[in-house]
N, C-alpha and C. Protein backbone atom coordinates (compact mmCIF):
# COMPACT_ATOMS: atom_id res chain seq x y z
N MET A 1 30.90 -54.71 -13.93
CA MET A 1 31.50 -55.84 -13.34
C MET A 1 32.49 -55.33 -12.22
N ARG A 2 33.02 -54.23 -12.40
CA ARG A 2 34.00 -53.74 -11.47
C ARG A 2 33.54 -52.49 -10.91
N ASP A 3 33.83 -52.34 -9.62
CA ASP A 3 33.40 -51.08 -8.86
C ASP A 3 34.72 -50.72 -8.16
N GLY A 4 35.32 -49.63 -8.63
CA GLY A 4 36.61 -49.12 -8.03
C GLY A 4 37.73 -50.10 -8.25
N GLY A 5 37.65 -50.82 -9.33
CA GLY A 5 38.77 -51.88 -9.74
C GLY A 5 38.53 -53.22 -9.02
N ARG A 6 37.44 -53.37 -8.25
CA ARG A 6 37.20 -54.62 -7.55
C ARG A 6 36.14 -55.50 -8.34
N MET A 7 36.41 -56.82 -8.41
CA MET A 7 35.47 -57.69 -9.03
C MET A 7 34.59 -58.24 -7.80
N HIS A 8 33.31 -58.28 -8.06
CA HIS A 8 32.39 -58.77 -7.06
C HIS A 8 32.05 -60.19 -7.23
N ALA A 9 31.79 -60.91 -6.08
CA ALA A 9 31.44 -62.29 -6.19
C ALA A 9 30.32 -62.59 -7.05
N LYS A 10 29.31 -61.75 -7.12
CA LYS A 10 28.08 -61.95 -7.88
C LYS A 10 28.51 -61.93 -9.44
N ASP A 11 29.62 -61.20 -9.77
CA ASP A 11 30.06 -61.28 -11.15
C ASP A 11 30.67 -62.55 -11.54
N ILE A 12 31.36 -63.14 -10.56
CA ILE A 12 31.96 -64.52 -10.79
C ILE A 12 30.83 -65.57 -10.99
N LEU A 13 29.81 -65.39 -10.12
CA LEU A 13 28.68 -66.37 -10.18
C LEU A 13 27.92 -66.19 -11.52
N ILE A 14 27.75 -64.95 -11.90
CA ILE A 14 27.01 -64.81 -13.20
C ILE A 14 27.76 -65.33 -14.33
N ASP A 15 29.09 -65.20 -14.33
CA ASP A 15 29.96 -65.73 -15.32
C ASP A 15 29.90 -67.25 -15.27
N GLY A 16 29.90 -67.89 -14.07
CA GLY A 16 29.89 -69.33 -14.05
C GLY A 16 28.49 -69.80 -14.55
N TYR A 17 27.41 -69.26 -14.08
CA TYR A 17 26.09 -69.68 -14.62
C TYR A 17 26.02 -69.54 -16.11
N GLY A 18 26.67 -68.47 -16.62
CA GLY A 18 26.66 -68.31 -18.09
C GLY A 18 27.36 -69.38 -18.75
N ARG A 19 28.37 -69.94 -18.13
CA ARG A 19 29.12 -71.21 -18.79
C ARG A 19 28.14 -72.36 -18.86
N ILE A 20 27.32 -72.56 -17.76
CA ILE A 20 26.42 -73.68 -17.82
C ILE A 20 25.46 -73.50 -19.00
N GLN A 21 24.98 -72.32 -19.22
CA GLN A 21 24.03 -72.13 -20.42
C GLN A 21 24.77 -72.42 -21.68
N GLU A 22 26.03 -71.93 -21.87
CA GLU A 22 26.65 -72.23 -23.02
C GLU A 22 26.82 -73.73 -23.24
N GLU A 23 27.23 -74.35 -22.28
CA GLU A 23 27.45 -75.82 -22.42
C GLU A 23 26.08 -76.60 -22.64
N VAL A 24 25.01 -76.18 -22.06
CA VAL A 24 23.73 -76.79 -22.31
C VAL A 24 23.42 -76.63 -23.76
N HIS A 25 23.58 -75.49 -24.34
CA HIS A 25 23.24 -75.29 -25.80
C HIS A 25 24.20 -76.14 -26.58
N ALA A 26 25.46 -76.20 -26.19
CA ALA A 26 26.39 -77.01 -27.05
C ALA A 26 26.08 -78.45 -27.08
N VAL A 27 25.77 -78.99 -25.86
CA VAL A 27 25.52 -80.43 -25.84
C VAL A 27 24.21 -80.86 -26.49
N LEU A 28 23.28 -79.94 -26.55
CA LEU A 28 21.89 -80.31 -27.18
C LEU A 28 21.95 -80.07 -28.65
N ASP A 29 22.86 -79.09 -29.17
CA ASP A 29 22.78 -78.68 -30.54
C ASP A 29 22.72 -79.81 -31.51
N GLY A 30 21.69 -79.96 -32.33
CA GLY A 30 21.63 -81.02 -33.38
C GLY A 30 21.18 -82.33 -32.87
N LEU A 31 20.84 -82.53 -31.68
CA LEU A 31 20.41 -83.82 -31.18
C LEU A 31 18.99 -84.11 -31.52
N GLY A 32 18.78 -85.22 -32.16
CA GLY A 32 17.37 -85.66 -32.40
C GLY A 32 16.87 -86.45 -31.23
N PRO A 33 15.60 -86.94 -31.28
CA PRO A 33 14.98 -87.69 -30.17
C PRO A 33 15.72 -88.98 -29.90
N ASP A 34 16.31 -89.61 -30.85
CA ASP A 34 17.08 -90.89 -30.53
C ASP A 34 18.28 -90.59 -29.72
N GLU A 35 19.09 -89.53 -30.12
CA GLU A 35 20.20 -89.19 -29.26
C GLU A 35 19.90 -88.60 -28.01
N LEU A 36 18.86 -87.83 -27.91
CA LEU A 36 18.36 -87.16 -26.57
C LEU A 36 18.18 -88.25 -25.57
N HIS A 37 17.58 -89.37 -25.98
CA HIS A 37 17.11 -90.47 -25.09
C HIS A 37 17.98 -91.57 -24.97
N ALA A 38 19.10 -91.58 -25.68
CA ALA A 38 20.02 -92.72 -25.68
C ALA A 38 20.74 -92.77 -24.23
N ARG A 39 20.90 -93.98 -23.89
CA ARG A 39 21.61 -94.35 -22.56
C ARG A 39 22.61 -95.38 -22.86
N PRO A 40 23.82 -95.09 -22.55
CA PRO A 40 25.02 -95.89 -22.93
C PRO A 40 24.93 -97.31 -22.11
N ALA A 41 24.22 -97.35 -21.09
CA ALA A 41 23.98 -98.57 -20.31
C ALA A 41 22.54 -98.49 -19.71
N PRO A 42 21.91 -99.68 -19.37
CA PRO A 42 20.55 -99.67 -18.91
C PRO A 42 20.36 -98.63 -17.64
N ASP A 43 21.40 -98.59 -16.80
CA ASP A 43 21.15 -97.78 -15.61
C ASP A 43 21.82 -96.34 -15.74
N ALA A 44 22.25 -96.06 -16.92
CA ALA A 44 22.90 -94.78 -17.22
C ALA A 44 21.79 -93.62 -17.61
N ASN A 45 22.17 -92.43 -17.51
CA ASN A 45 21.26 -91.34 -17.78
C ASN A 45 21.44 -90.95 -19.15
N SER A 46 20.35 -90.49 -19.80
CA SER A 46 20.36 -89.87 -21.14
C SER A 46 20.77 -88.46 -21.11
N PRO A 47 21.20 -87.84 -22.28
CA PRO A 47 21.38 -86.46 -22.35
C PRO A 47 20.18 -85.66 -21.95
N ALA A 48 18.97 -86.16 -22.45
CA ALA A 48 17.75 -85.44 -21.99
C ALA A 48 17.50 -85.34 -20.60
N TRP A 49 17.73 -86.59 -19.91
CA TRP A 49 17.46 -86.60 -18.46
C TRP A 49 18.56 -85.67 -17.76
N LEU A 50 19.76 -85.82 -18.14
CA LEU A 50 20.84 -85.00 -17.53
C LEU A 50 20.52 -83.46 -17.57
N VAL A 51 20.17 -83.01 -18.70
CA VAL A 51 19.85 -81.51 -18.91
C VAL A 51 18.55 -81.15 -18.17
N TRP A 52 17.59 -82.08 -18.27
CA TRP A 52 16.34 -81.81 -17.49
C TRP A 52 16.61 -81.72 -16.06
N HIS A 53 17.39 -82.57 -15.53
CA HIS A 53 17.69 -82.73 -14.05
C HIS A 53 18.54 -81.48 -13.55
N LEU A 54 19.54 -81.10 -14.29
CA LEU A 54 20.40 -79.99 -13.89
C LEU A 54 19.52 -78.72 -13.96
N THR A 55 18.59 -78.62 -14.80
CA THR A 55 17.71 -77.39 -14.92
C THR A 55 16.76 -77.45 -13.85
N ARG A 56 16.15 -78.63 -13.49
CA ARG A 56 15.23 -78.76 -12.38
C ARG A 56 15.83 -78.33 -11.14
N VAL A 57 17.12 -78.85 -10.88
CA VAL A 57 17.88 -78.57 -9.56
C VAL A 57 18.08 -76.98 -9.44
N GLN A 58 18.66 -76.48 -10.63
CA GLN A 58 18.89 -75.02 -10.59
C GLN A 58 17.57 -74.28 -10.24
N ASP A 59 16.46 -74.67 -10.98
CA ASP A 59 15.28 -73.92 -10.78
C ASP A 59 14.80 -74.09 -9.34
N ASP A 60 14.77 -75.32 -8.85
CA ASP A 60 14.25 -75.52 -7.48
C ASP A 60 15.18 -74.85 -6.37
N HIS A 61 16.49 -75.02 -6.51
CA HIS A 61 17.27 -74.47 -5.49
C HIS A 61 17.43 -72.86 -5.48
N VAL A 62 17.44 -72.40 -6.69
CA VAL A 62 17.59 -70.95 -6.77
C VAL A 62 16.21 -70.31 -6.33
N ALA A 63 15.19 -70.85 -6.79
CA ALA A 63 13.91 -70.40 -6.37
C ALA A 63 13.72 -70.32 -4.78
N ASP A 64 14.09 -71.61 -4.27
CA ASP A 64 13.92 -71.64 -2.81
C ASP A 64 14.81 -70.66 -2.12
N ALA A 65 16.01 -70.56 -2.58
CA ALA A 65 17.05 -69.60 -1.86
C ALA A 65 16.72 -68.20 -1.90
N PHE A 66 16.03 -67.75 -2.93
CA PHE A 66 15.63 -66.41 -3.13
C PHE A 66 14.16 -66.12 -2.88
N GLY A 67 13.39 -67.09 -2.57
CA GLY A 67 11.95 -66.90 -2.27
C GLY A 67 11.06 -66.63 -3.53
N LEU A 68 11.54 -67.27 -4.58
CA LEU A 68 10.86 -67.10 -5.88
C LEU A 68 10.02 -68.44 -6.22
N ASP A 69 9.22 -68.20 -7.16
CA ASP A 69 8.42 -69.32 -7.74
C ASP A 69 9.29 -70.01 -8.72
N GLN A 70 9.25 -71.39 -8.79
CA GLN A 70 9.85 -72.16 -9.74
C GLN A 70 9.27 -71.88 -11.13
N VAL A 71 10.23 -71.71 -12.01
CA VAL A 71 9.86 -71.43 -13.52
C VAL A 71 9.18 -72.63 -13.98
N TRP A 72 9.48 -73.84 -13.56
CA TRP A 72 8.82 -75.12 -14.00
C TRP A 72 7.35 -75.02 -13.82
N LEU A 73 6.86 -74.43 -12.70
CA LEU A 73 5.45 -74.33 -12.33
C LEU A 73 4.83 -73.01 -12.87
N SER A 74 5.60 -71.89 -12.55
CA SER A 74 4.98 -70.57 -12.80
C SER A 74 4.90 -70.16 -14.25
N GLN A 75 5.75 -70.74 -15.08
CA GLN A 75 5.73 -70.52 -16.49
C GLN A 75 5.25 -71.64 -17.47
N GLY A 76 4.67 -72.59 -16.72
CA GLY A 76 4.02 -73.69 -17.40
C GLY A 76 4.86 -74.72 -18.09
N TRP A 77 6.13 -74.71 -17.75
CA TRP A 77 6.99 -75.74 -18.27
C TRP A 77 6.71 -77.25 -17.87
N GLU A 78 6.16 -77.32 -16.78
CA GLU A 78 5.72 -78.66 -16.34
C GLU A 78 4.61 -79.22 -17.34
N LYS A 79 3.71 -78.39 -17.60
CA LYS A 79 2.68 -78.83 -18.54
C LYS A 79 3.20 -79.07 -19.99
N ARG A 80 4.14 -78.20 -20.44
CA ARG A 80 4.74 -78.39 -21.81
C ARG A 80 5.50 -79.79 -21.88
N PHE A 81 6.25 -80.05 -20.82
CA PHE A 81 6.98 -81.31 -20.78
C PHE A 81 6.02 -82.54 -20.66
N GLY A 82 5.01 -82.36 -19.93
CA GLY A 82 4.07 -83.58 -19.74
C GLY A 82 4.53 -84.77 -19.21
N LEU A 83 5.52 -84.79 -18.35
CA LEU A 83 6.15 -85.92 -17.76
C LEU A 83 5.19 -86.66 -16.82
N ASP A 84 5.32 -87.92 -16.74
CA ASP A 84 4.56 -88.83 -15.83
C ASP A 84 5.42 -88.83 -14.56
N LEU A 85 5.59 -87.65 -13.94
CA LEU A 85 6.43 -87.55 -12.62
C LEU A 85 5.61 -86.45 -11.76
N PRO A 86 5.80 -86.64 -10.46
CA PRO A 86 5.33 -85.47 -9.57
C PRO A 86 5.74 -84.12 -9.90
N ARG A 87 4.85 -83.20 -9.74
CA ARG A 87 5.02 -81.74 -10.17
C ARG A 87 6.39 -81.22 -9.67
N HIS A 88 6.81 -81.56 -8.40
CA HIS A 88 7.99 -81.03 -7.86
C HIS A 88 9.17 -81.85 -8.02
N ASP A 89 9.10 -83.00 -8.77
CA ASP A 89 10.19 -83.83 -8.98
C ASP A 89 11.40 -83.11 -9.59
N THR A 90 12.58 -83.36 -9.08
CA THR A 90 13.81 -82.78 -9.71
C THR A 90 14.75 -83.88 -10.31
N GLY A 91 14.40 -84.99 -10.14
CA GLY A 91 15.24 -86.18 -10.70
C GLY A 91 16.12 -86.74 -9.60
N TYR A 92 16.21 -86.13 -8.36
CA TYR A 92 17.03 -86.62 -7.37
C TYR A 92 16.60 -88.10 -6.95
N GLY A 93 17.61 -88.98 -7.06
CA GLY A 93 17.32 -90.27 -6.61
C GLY A 93 16.59 -91.10 -7.65
N HIS A 94 16.39 -90.67 -8.83
CA HIS A 94 15.68 -91.45 -9.78
C HIS A 94 16.32 -92.80 -10.12
N THR A 95 15.42 -93.76 -10.23
CA THR A 95 15.69 -95.04 -10.70
C THR A 95 15.84 -95.08 -12.15
N ALA A 96 16.24 -96.16 -12.81
CA ALA A 96 16.50 -96.32 -14.18
C ALA A 96 15.03 -96.14 -14.88
N ALA A 97 14.05 -96.63 -14.18
CA ALA A 97 12.68 -96.60 -14.82
C ALA A 97 12.19 -95.15 -14.71
N LYS A 98 12.52 -94.34 -13.73
CA LYS A 98 12.19 -92.96 -13.69
C LYS A 98 12.91 -92.15 -14.75
N VAL A 99 14.14 -92.46 -14.88
CA VAL A 99 14.99 -91.78 -15.94
C VAL A 99 14.33 -91.96 -17.29
N ALA A 100 13.91 -93.07 -17.53
CA ALA A 100 13.28 -93.43 -18.90
C ALA A 100 11.91 -92.62 -19.06
N LYS A 101 11.32 -92.09 -18.03
CA LYS A 101 10.12 -91.32 -18.16
C LYS A 101 10.42 -89.88 -18.62
N VAL A 102 11.68 -89.53 -18.53
CA VAL A 102 11.99 -88.14 -19.01
C VAL A 102 12.29 -88.21 -20.48
N ARG A 103 11.20 -87.94 -21.26
CA ARG A 103 11.31 -87.89 -22.74
C ARG A 103 10.74 -86.60 -23.25
N VAL A 104 11.46 -86.02 -24.10
CA VAL A 104 11.10 -84.84 -24.68
C VAL A 104 10.91 -84.84 -26.24
N GLU A 105 10.13 -84.01 -26.86
CA GLU A 105 9.90 -84.02 -28.23
C GLU A 105 11.13 -83.55 -29.09
N SER A 106 11.83 -82.60 -28.36
CA SER A 106 12.89 -81.89 -29.03
C SER A 106 13.88 -81.31 -28.03
N ALA A 107 15.12 -80.99 -28.53
CA ALA A 107 16.15 -80.38 -27.81
C ALA A 107 15.74 -78.92 -27.41
N ASP A 108 14.96 -78.28 -28.32
CA ASP A 108 14.47 -76.91 -28.15
C ASP A 108 13.54 -76.84 -26.96
N LEU A 109 12.84 -77.83 -26.48
CA LEU A 109 12.07 -77.80 -25.26
C LEU A 109 13.03 -77.69 -24.01
N LEU A 110 14.08 -78.57 -24.07
CA LEU A 110 15.05 -78.42 -22.99
C LEU A 110 15.77 -77.08 -22.86
N THR A 111 16.22 -76.61 -24.04
CA THR A 111 16.98 -75.27 -24.10
C THR A 111 15.98 -74.20 -23.64
N GLY A 112 14.82 -74.24 -24.13
CA GLY A 112 13.97 -73.26 -23.74
C GLY A 112 13.63 -73.21 -22.30
N TYR A 113 13.45 -74.34 -21.63
CA TYR A 113 13.33 -74.43 -20.23
C TYR A 113 14.61 -73.91 -19.59
N TYR A 114 15.82 -74.40 -19.98
CA TYR A 114 17.03 -73.94 -19.29
C TYR A 114 17.14 -72.49 -19.44
N ASP A 115 16.86 -71.88 -20.62
CA ASP A 115 17.06 -70.42 -20.79
C ASP A 115 16.17 -69.61 -19.86
N ALA A 116 14.85 -70.09 -19.70
CA ALA A 116 13.99 -69.45 -18.70
C ALA A 116 14.49 -69.50 -17.26
N VAL A 117 15.03 -70.63 -16.92
CA VAL A 117 15.68 -70.75 -15.50
C VAL A 117 16.84 -69.92 -15.48
N HIS A 118 17.65 -69.89 -16.44
CA HIS A 118 18.98 -69.08 -16.45
C HIS A 118 18.56 -67.59 -16.28
N GLU A 119 17.49 -67.13 -16.96
CA GLU A 119 17.13 -65.76 -16.90
C GLU A 119 16.75 -65.40 -15.42
N GLN A 120 15.92 -66.29 -14.84
CA GLN A 120 15.57 -66.06 -13.39
C GLN A 120 16.70 -66.05 -12.53
N THR A 121 17.64 -66.93 -12.80
CA THR A 121 18.89 -66.97 -12.04
C THR A 121 19.69 -65.79 -12.12
N LEU A 122 19.78 -65.26 -13.32
CA LEU A 122 20.60 -64.03 -13.52
C LEU A 122 19.93 -62.86 -12.79
N GLN A 123 18.59 -62.69 -12.96
CA GLN A 123 17.89 -61.61 -12.23
C GLN A 123 18.20 -61.70 -10.76
N ALA A 124 18.14 -62.80 -10.10
CA ALA A 124 18.47 -63.03 -8.69
C ALA A 124 19.94 -62.67 -8.39
N LEU A 125 20.82 -63.14 -9.19
CA LEU A 125 22.28 -62.87 -8.99
C LEU A 125 22.55 -61.42 -9.10
N ARG A 126 22.00 -60.75 -10.01
CA ARG A 126 22.36 -59.37 -10.27
C ARG A 126 22.04 -58.42 -9.09
N GLY A 127 21.04 -58.85 -8.26
CA GLY A 127 20.75 -58.06 -7.01
C GLY A 127 21.51 -58.41 -5.82
N LEU A 128 22.43 -59.47 -5.89
CA LEU A 128 23.25 -59.85 -4.77
C LEU A 128 24.11 -58.82 -4.14
N THR A 129 24.15 -58.84 -2.91
CA THR A 129 25.25 -58.17 -2.15
C THR A 129 26.17 -59.17 -1.46
N ALA A 130 27.38 -58.74 -1.06
CA ALA A 130 28.29 -59.58 -0.30
C ALA A 130 27.62 -60.12 0.97
N LYS A 131 26.90 -59.36 1.55
CA LYS A 131 26.16 -59.71 2.89
C LYS A 131 25.09 -60.80 2.54
N ASP A 132 24.35 -60.72 1.40
CA ASP A 132 23.42 -61.71 1.02
C ASP A 132 24.01 -63.15 0.96
N LEU A 133 25.26 -63.16 0.54
CA LEU A 133 25.90 -64.58 0.33
C LEU A 133 26.10 -65.21 1.60
N GLU A 134 26.07 -64.46 2.77
CA GLU A 134 26.30 -65.11 4.07
C GLU A 134 25.01 -65.62 4.68
N ARG A 135 23.88 -65.23 4.13
CA ARG A 135 22.49 -65.60 4.65
C ARG A 135 22.45 -67.06 4.67
N VAL A 136 21.93 -67.65 5.74
CA VAL A 136 21.72 -69.14 5.86
C VAL A 136 20.37 -69.44 5.09
N VAL A 137 20.45 -70.41 4.26
CA VAL A 137 19.25 -70.83 3.39
C VAL A 137 18.77 -72.28 3.68
N ASP A 138 19.60 -73.02 4.46
CA ASP A 138 19.26 -74.40 4.77
C ASP A 138 19.88 -74.77 6.09
N GLU A 139 19.06 -74.83 7.07
CA GLU A 139 19.53 -75.25 8.50
C GLU A 139 19.72 -76.68 8.60
N GLY A 140 19.38 -77.50 7.62
CA GLY A 140 19.33 -78.97 7.65
C GLY A 140 20.71 -79.60 7.68
N TRP A 141 21.70 -78.81 7.57
CA TRP A 141 23.14 -79.32 7.49
C TRP A 141 23.88 -78.80 8.55
N ASP A 142 25.05 -79.38 8.87
CA ASP A 142 26.02 -78.94 9.82
C ASP A 142 27.33 -78.79 9.17
N PRO A 143 27.80 -77.63 8.91
CA PRO A 143 27.24 -76.35 9.29
C PRO A 143 26.02 -75.98 8.40
N PRO A 144 25.10 -74.98 8.84
CA PRO A 144 24.06 -74.57 7.98
C PRO A 144 24.61 -74.07 6.69
N VAL A 145 23.83 -74.20 5.66
CA VAL A 145 24.17 -73.80 4.29
C VAL A 145 23.88 -72.40 4.10
N THR A 146 24.85 -71.56 3.61
CA THR A 146 24.71 -70.20 3.27
C THR A 146 24.26 -70.02 1.77
N LEU A 147 23.71 -68.89 1.41
CA LEU A 147 23.33 -68.64 -0.01
C LEU A 147 24.63 -68.84 -0.92
N GLY A 148 25.67 -68.31 -0.47
CA GLY A 148 26.87 -68.43 -1.33
C GLY A 148 27.26 -69.86 -1.52
N VAL A 149 27.26 -70.75 -0.42
CA VAL A 149 27.51 -72.13 -0.65
C VAL A 149 26.49 -72.82 -1.46
N ARG A 150 25.23 -72.55 -1.38
CA ARG A 150 24.13 -73.10 -2.13
C ARG A 150 24.37 -72.74 -3.63
N LEU A 151 24.70 -71.57 -3.95
CA LEU A 151 24.86 -71.23 -5.42
C LEU A 151 26.10 -71.82 -5.93
N VAL A 152 27.19 -71.98 -5.22
CA VAL A 152 28.30 -72.68 -5.84
C VAL A 152 28.02 -74.19 -5.83
N SER A 153 27.28 -74.82 -5.03
CA SER A 153 26.87 -76.10 -5.05
C SER A 153 26.08 -76.51 -6.30
N VAL A 154 25.11 -75.62 -6.61
CA VAL A 154 24.30 -75.76 -7.80
C VAL A 154 25.18 -75.66 -8.97
N LEU A 155 26.12 -74.63 -9.01
CA LEU A 155 26.94 -74.40 -10.16
C LEU A 155 27.77 -75.64 -10.38
N SER A 156 28.38 -76.21 -9.31
CA SER A 156 29.25 -77.48 -9.41
C SER A 156 28.43 -78.59 -10.01
N ASP A 157 27.27 -78.87 -9.40
CA ASP A 157 26.37 -79.90 -9.81
C ASP A 157 25.96 -79.81 -11.27
N ASP A 158 25.63 -78.63 -11.70
CA ASP A 158 25.11 -78.45 -13.02
C ASP A 158 26.30 -78.64 -14.06
N LEU A 159 27.52 -78.14 -13.66
CA LEU A 159 28.60 -78.32 -14.57
C LEU A 159 28.96 -79.84 -14.68
N GLN A 160 28.89 -80.53 -13.68
CA GLN A 160 29.09 -82.03 -13.73
C GLN A 160 28.09 -82.71 -14.63
N HIS A 161 26.82 -82.38 -14.41
CA HIS A 161 25.76 -83.07 -15.24
C HIS A 161 25.86 -82.71 -16.77
N VAL A 162 26.26 -81.41 -17.08
CA VAL A 162 26.31 -81.04 -18.49
C VAL A 162 27.49 -81.71 -19.05
N GLY A 163 28.61 -81.89 -18.25
CA GLY A 163 29.72 -82.60 -18.69
C GLY A 163 29.47 -84.14 -19.03
N GLN A 164 28.64 -84.75 -18.10
CA GLN A 164 28.15 -86.08 -18.38
C GLN A 164 27.36 -86.16 -19.65
N ALA A 165 26.46 -85.16 -19.93
CA ALA A 165 25.73 -85.19 -21.10
C ALA A 165 26.65 -85.13 -22.33
N ALA A 166 27.61 -84.29 -22.31
CA ALA A 166 28.56 -84.16 -23.30
C ALA A 166 29.36 -85.45 -23.57
N TYR A 167 29.68 -86.18 -22.52
CA TYR A 167 30.36 -87.40 -22.68
C TYR A 167 29.49 -88.48 -23.35
N VAL A 168 28.14 -88.46 -22.97
CA VAL A 168 27.29 -89.42 -23.60
C VAL A 168 27.13 -89.05 -25.12
N ARG A 169 27.05 -87.70 -25.40
CA ARG A 169 27.04 -87.24 -26.71
C ARG A 169 28.22 -87.72 -27.55
N GLY A 170 29.37 -87.63 -26.94
CA GLY A 170 30.57 -88.04 -27.63
C GLY A 170 30.59 -89.61 -27.82
N LEU A 171 30.10 -90.33 -26.85
CA LEU A 171 30.02 -91.76 -27.16
C LEU A 171 29.02 -92.08 -28.38
N LEU A 172 27.91 -91.37 -28.44
CA LEU A 172 27.09 -91.59 -29.51
C LEU A 172 27.63 -91.22 -30.77
N GLN A 173 28.41 -90.15 -30.93
CA GLN A 173 29.08 -89.76 -32.09
C GLN A 173 30.16 -90.74 -32.57
N SER A 174 30.89 -91.18 -31.65
CA SER A 174 32.05 -92.09 -32.00
C SER A 174 31.40 -93.46 -32.41
N ALA A 175 30.26 -93.87 -31.81
CA ALA A 175 29.60 -95.06 -32.25
C ALA A 175 29.00 -95.03 -33.71
N ALA A 176 28.53 -93.80 -34.01
CA ALA A 176 27.98 -93.59 -35.32
C ALA A 176 28.99 -93.31 -36.45
N ALA A 177 30.21 -93.07 -36.03
CA ALA A 177 31.34 -92.81 -37.01
C ALA A 177 31.75 -94.14 -37.67
């Protein structure tokens, strides 16, 4: 982690992404199908959708930024999930009806997919240099998005979504008590 007493940005990113993984496992631990798909309101997202979405975004954005194949497609997760959605769908802009289409047989499917994406993310992060973080990965914004900004954006988005899933889990647990 340290080289000559200095911490590198990649080590901070690796730690941050590790925290997402810990929270994904914690929020899904022990949830059955009813809890996975519970929605506190008709237009709200379920824990299953939130974790699937945050994982799809991480998979899509990290793969794109590093020139890698998405784990969703390259490792057969799309087929294992069998969702009635387009192959490259990440959940962005989903309506309530599309949120309802994200149904899984078990929490293990979600954690398995997240862990596979996390491993690809870690492999990419371990090879980073400070100069790599300055590389522009998306010209569609003003200012253009660098790799460093994209990685922090995904980290922030994922932590927000896993926090939302934890909140829904808490609502379910307090309703059951």
